[in-house]
Amino acid sequence: MNPFPAWTLIMNGLFVFCLATTAAGALIAVASVRLIRAVCGLAICCFGLAGLYYFLQSPFLALMEILIYVGAVCVTIVFAVMLAEPDEPGKDASKGFSVLWTGIAVTAATAIFLGVVRLALSWDWVRPEARVNDGSMKAVGTALLTTYSMAFELISLALLVAILGALAIARTGRTKP
């Protein structure tokens, strides 16, 4: 029996709040017509993901999520938008909208979601062994260069792609000539 049932209720509420924040931010990012609102949705989604990482007992990864994605990627995109030329008045933003592409995207997203749900429900989840980590710079550096080297490289690759995309937007503007 749990000696602190209120504590469990609070933690479950915070977890659901982090999930809702992630989902709401993702929906704002995807459904927004304006780029600045989409970037704000991305930042909200990243804050929710950082909360989920913290619940997975990975405070370092939660902090890196905030520093790299919110502090670097989102700010870089905002700077690119500010440097880009404004849209010409009278242009329709929904000109390239296609019902066919929307249907394909919804079908692909549904297939991926159902595949992940099926995998999660059929997987034999084993609780990981507790590892003792003192949190020192040596331990973090060793973990980054050995155990988590692939994740570290993928984060740097995502940052590079975001910076290149922001530079491309800044150079050519939001509309094609």
Protein backbone atom coordinates (compact mmCIF):
# COMPACT_ATOMS: atom_id res chain seq x y z
CA MET A 1 0.00 0.00 0.00
CA ASN A 2 1.29 3.43 -0.90
CA PRO A 3 1.86 5.58 2.21
CA PHE A 4 1.34 8.77 0.17
CA PRO A 5 -1.73 8.39 -2.07
CA ALA A 6 -1.96 12.15 -2.57
CA TRP A 7 1.64 12.18 -3.85
CA THR A 8 0.79 9.52 -6.44
CA LEU A 9 -2.24 11.50 -7.54
CA ILE A 10 -0.15 14.66 -7.93
CA MET A 11 2.54 12.84 -9.92
CA ASN A 12 -0.07 11.24 -12.20
CA GLY A 13 -1.62 14.67 -12.72
CA LEU A 14 1.76 16.18 -13.63
CA PHE A 15 2.42 13.33 -16.06
CA VAL A 16 -0.94 13.87 -17.76
CA PHE A 17 -0.20 17.62 -17.86
CA CYS A 18 3.14 16.93 -19.62
CA LEU A 19 1.38 14.62 -22.09
CA ALA A 20 -1.32 17.21 -22.77
CA THR A 21 1.29 19.95 -23.19
CA THR A 22 3.21 17.84 -25.70
CA ALA A 23 0.08 16.96 -27.68
CA ALA A 24 -1.28 20.52 -27.64
CA GLY A 25 2.05 21.96 -28.75
CA ALA A 26 2.28 19.44 -31.56
CA LEU A 27 -1.24 20.25 -32.72
CA ILE A 28 -0.51 23.98 -32.65
CA ALA A 29 2.71 23.42 -34.61
CA VAL A 30 1.02 21.32 -37.27
CA ALA A 31 -2.28 23.19 -37.59
CA SER A 32 -0.93 26.77 -37.61
CA VAL A 33 -0.92 28.69 -40.85
CA ARG A 34 1.51 31.31 -39.58
CA LEU A 35 5.10 30.24 -39.10
CA ILE A 36 5.63 32.11 -35.82
CA ARG A 37 2.66 30.35 -34.24
CA ALA A 38 3.96 27.01 -35.48
CA VAL A 39 7.34 27.71 -33.88
CA CYS A 40 5.62 28.62 -30.60
CA GLY A 41 3.72 25.32 -30.81
CA LEU A 42 7.03 23.52 -31.37
CA ALA A 43 8.49 25.20 -28.30
CA ILE A 44 5.46 24.21 -26.20
CA CYS A 45 5.78 20.64 -27.48
CA CYS A 46 9.47 20.58 -26.56
CA PHE A 47 8.70 21.79 -23.03
CA GLY A 48 6.19 18.95 -22.68
CA LEU A 49 8.77 16.47 -23.95
CA ALA A 50 11.27 17.78 -21.44
CA GLY A 51 8.76 17.08 -18.70
CA LEU A 52 8.28 13.54 -20.00
CA TYR A 53 12.05 13.03 -20.07
CA TYR A 54 12.18 14.18 -16.48
CA PHE A 55 9.53 11.61 -15.56
CA LEU A 56 11.73 8.97 -17.21
CA GLN A 57 14.41 9.96 -14.69
CA SER A 58 16.59 11.64 -17.24
CA PRO A 59 17.01 15.22 -16.05
CA PHE A 60 20.07 15.74 -18.26
CA LEU A 61 18.11 14.85 -21.39
CA ALA A 62 15.23 17.07 -20.23
CA LEU A 63 17.60 20.01 -19.83
CA MET A 64 19.21 19.33 -23.22
CA GLU A 65 15.72 19.23 -24.80
CA ILE A 66 15.07 22.72 -23.48
CA LEU A 67 18.52 24.09 -24.28
CA ILE A 68 18.91 22.63 -27.76
CA TYR A 69 15.41 22.57 -29.18
CA VAL A 70 13.79 25.54 -27.47
CA GLY A 71 16.90 27.61 -26.89
CA ALA A 72 18.62 26.99 -30.19
CA VAL A 73 16.33 25.54 -32.85
CA CYS A 74 13.20 27.58 -32.11
CA VAL A 75 15.14 30.80 -31.61
CA THR A 76 17.06 30.20 -34.86
CA ILE A 77 13.80 29.69 -36.75
CA VAL A 78 12.36 32.87 -35.23
CA PHE A 79 15.46 34.82 -36.30
CA ALA A 80 15.16 33.39 -39.82
CA VAL A 81 11.52 34.46 -39.98
CA MET A 82 12.41 37.93 -38.78
CA LEU A 83 15.14 38.22 -41.42
CA ALA A 84 12.97 36.89 -44.26
CA GLU A 85 11.04 39.15 -46.54
CA PRO A 86 7.35 39.52 -45.69
CA ASP A 87 4.72 37.91 -47.85
CA GLU A 88 3.28 39.98 -50.64
CA PRO A 89 -0.26 41.18 -49.96
CA GLY A 90 -2.99 39.46 -51.89
CA LYS A 91 -1.33 36.03 -52.05
CA ASP A 92 -3.46 33.13 -50.87
CA ALA A 93 -1.75 31.02 -48.19
CA SER A 94 -3.88 27.94 -48.90
CA LYS A 95 -3.10 27.85 -52.62
CA GLY A 96 -1.09 24.61 -52.48
CA PHE A 97 -3.61 22.77 -50.28
CA SER A 98 -4.64 19.40 -51.61
CA VAL A 99 -7.23 17.00 -50.26
CA LEU A 100 -5.29 14.07 -51.71
CA TRP A 101 -2.09 14.95 -49.84
CA THR A 102 -4.03 15.52 -46.64
CA GLY A 103 -5.60 12.07 -46.98
CA ILE A 104 -2.21 10.48 -47.61
CA ALA A 105 -0.71 12.25 -44.59
CA VAL A 106 -3.60 11.24 -42.30
CA THR A 107 -3.40 7.63 -43.51
CA ALA A 108 0.37 7.47 -42.96
CA ALA A 109 0.10 9.07 -39.51
CA THR A 110 -2.67 6.65 -38.51
CA ALA A 111 -0.65 3.66 -39.72
CA ILE A 112 2.42 4.78 -37.77
CA PHE A 113 0.34 5.46 -34.65
CA LEU A 114 -1.36 2.06 -34.79
CA GLY A 115 1.99 0.35 -35.38
CA VAL A 116 3.53 2.03 -32.34
CA VAL A 117 0.48 1.17 -30.20
CA ARG A 118 0.61 -2.46 -31.34
CA LEU A 119 4.32 -2.65 -30.58
CA ALA A 120 3.85 -1.06 -27.16
CA LEU A 121 1.04 -3.44 -26.22
CA SER A 122 2.76 -6.60 -27.45
CA TRP A 123 6.23 -5.85 -26.08
CA ASP A 124 7.44 -7.65 -22.98
CA TRP A 125 8.39 -4.64 -20.88
CA VAL A 126 11.16 -5.31 -18.40
CA ARG A 127 12.01 -2.84 -15.68
CA PRO A 128 15.60 -1.66 -16.16
CA GLU A 129 18.10 -2.24 -13.42
CA ALA A 130 18.86 0.74 -11.27
CA ARG A 131 22.19 2.26 -12.24
CA VAL A 132 24.11 4.44 -9.87
CA ASN A 133 25.33 7.64 -11.49
CA ASP A 134 26.90 10.38 -9.44
CA GLY A 135 26.06 13.05 -12.04
CA SER A 136 29.62 14.34 -12.30
CA MET A 137 30.98 15.79 -15.51
CA LYS A 138 33.19 12.74 -15.94
CA ALA A 139 30.21 10.37 -15.69
CA VAL A 140 28.12 12.48 -18.10
CA GLY A 141 31.02 12.76 -20.58
CA THR A 142 31.72 9.03 -20.44
CA ALA A 143 28.02 8.23 -20.94
CA LEU A 144 27.76 10.65 -23.88
CA LEU A 145 30.78 9.22 -25.65
CA THR A 146 30.01 5.54 -25.00
CA THR A 147 26.43 4.55 -24.19
CA TYR A 148 24.59 7.54 -25.64
CA SER A 149 26.89 8.48 -28.50
CA MET A 150 24.27 7.78 -31.18
CA ALA A 151 21.66 9.98 -29.45
CA PHE A 152 24.28 12.70 -29.01
CA GLU A 153 25.12 12.62 -32.73
CA LEU A 154 21.44 12.61 -33.74
CA ILE A 155 20.79 15.68 -31.59
CA SER A 156 23.69 17.50 -33.24
CA LEU A 157 22.43 16.44 -36.68
CA ALA A 158 18.93 17.74 -35.88
CA LEU A 159 20.43 21.04 -34.76
CA LEU A 160 22.46 21.28 -37.99
CA VAL A 161 19.38 20.61 -40.14
CA ALA A 162 17.38 23.24 -38.21
CA ILE A 163 20.11 25.84 -38.68
CA LEU A 164 20.40 25.07 -42.41
CA GLY A 165 16.62 25.29 -42.79
CA ALA A 166 16.55 28.61 -40.96
CA LEU A 167 19.32 29.94 -43.20
CA ALA A 168 17.48 28.78 -46.31
CA ILE A 169 14.33 30.55 -45.16
CA ALA A 170 16.30 33.69 -44.35
CA ARG A 171 18.07 33.72 -47.69
CA THR A 172 15.19 32.99 -50.05
CA GLY A 173 12.32 34.42 -48.06
CA ARG A 174 9.05 32.72 -47.30
CA THR A 175 7.76 32.89 -50.86
CA LYS A 176 9.46 31.66 -53.99
CA PRO A 177 10.22 34.32 -56.61
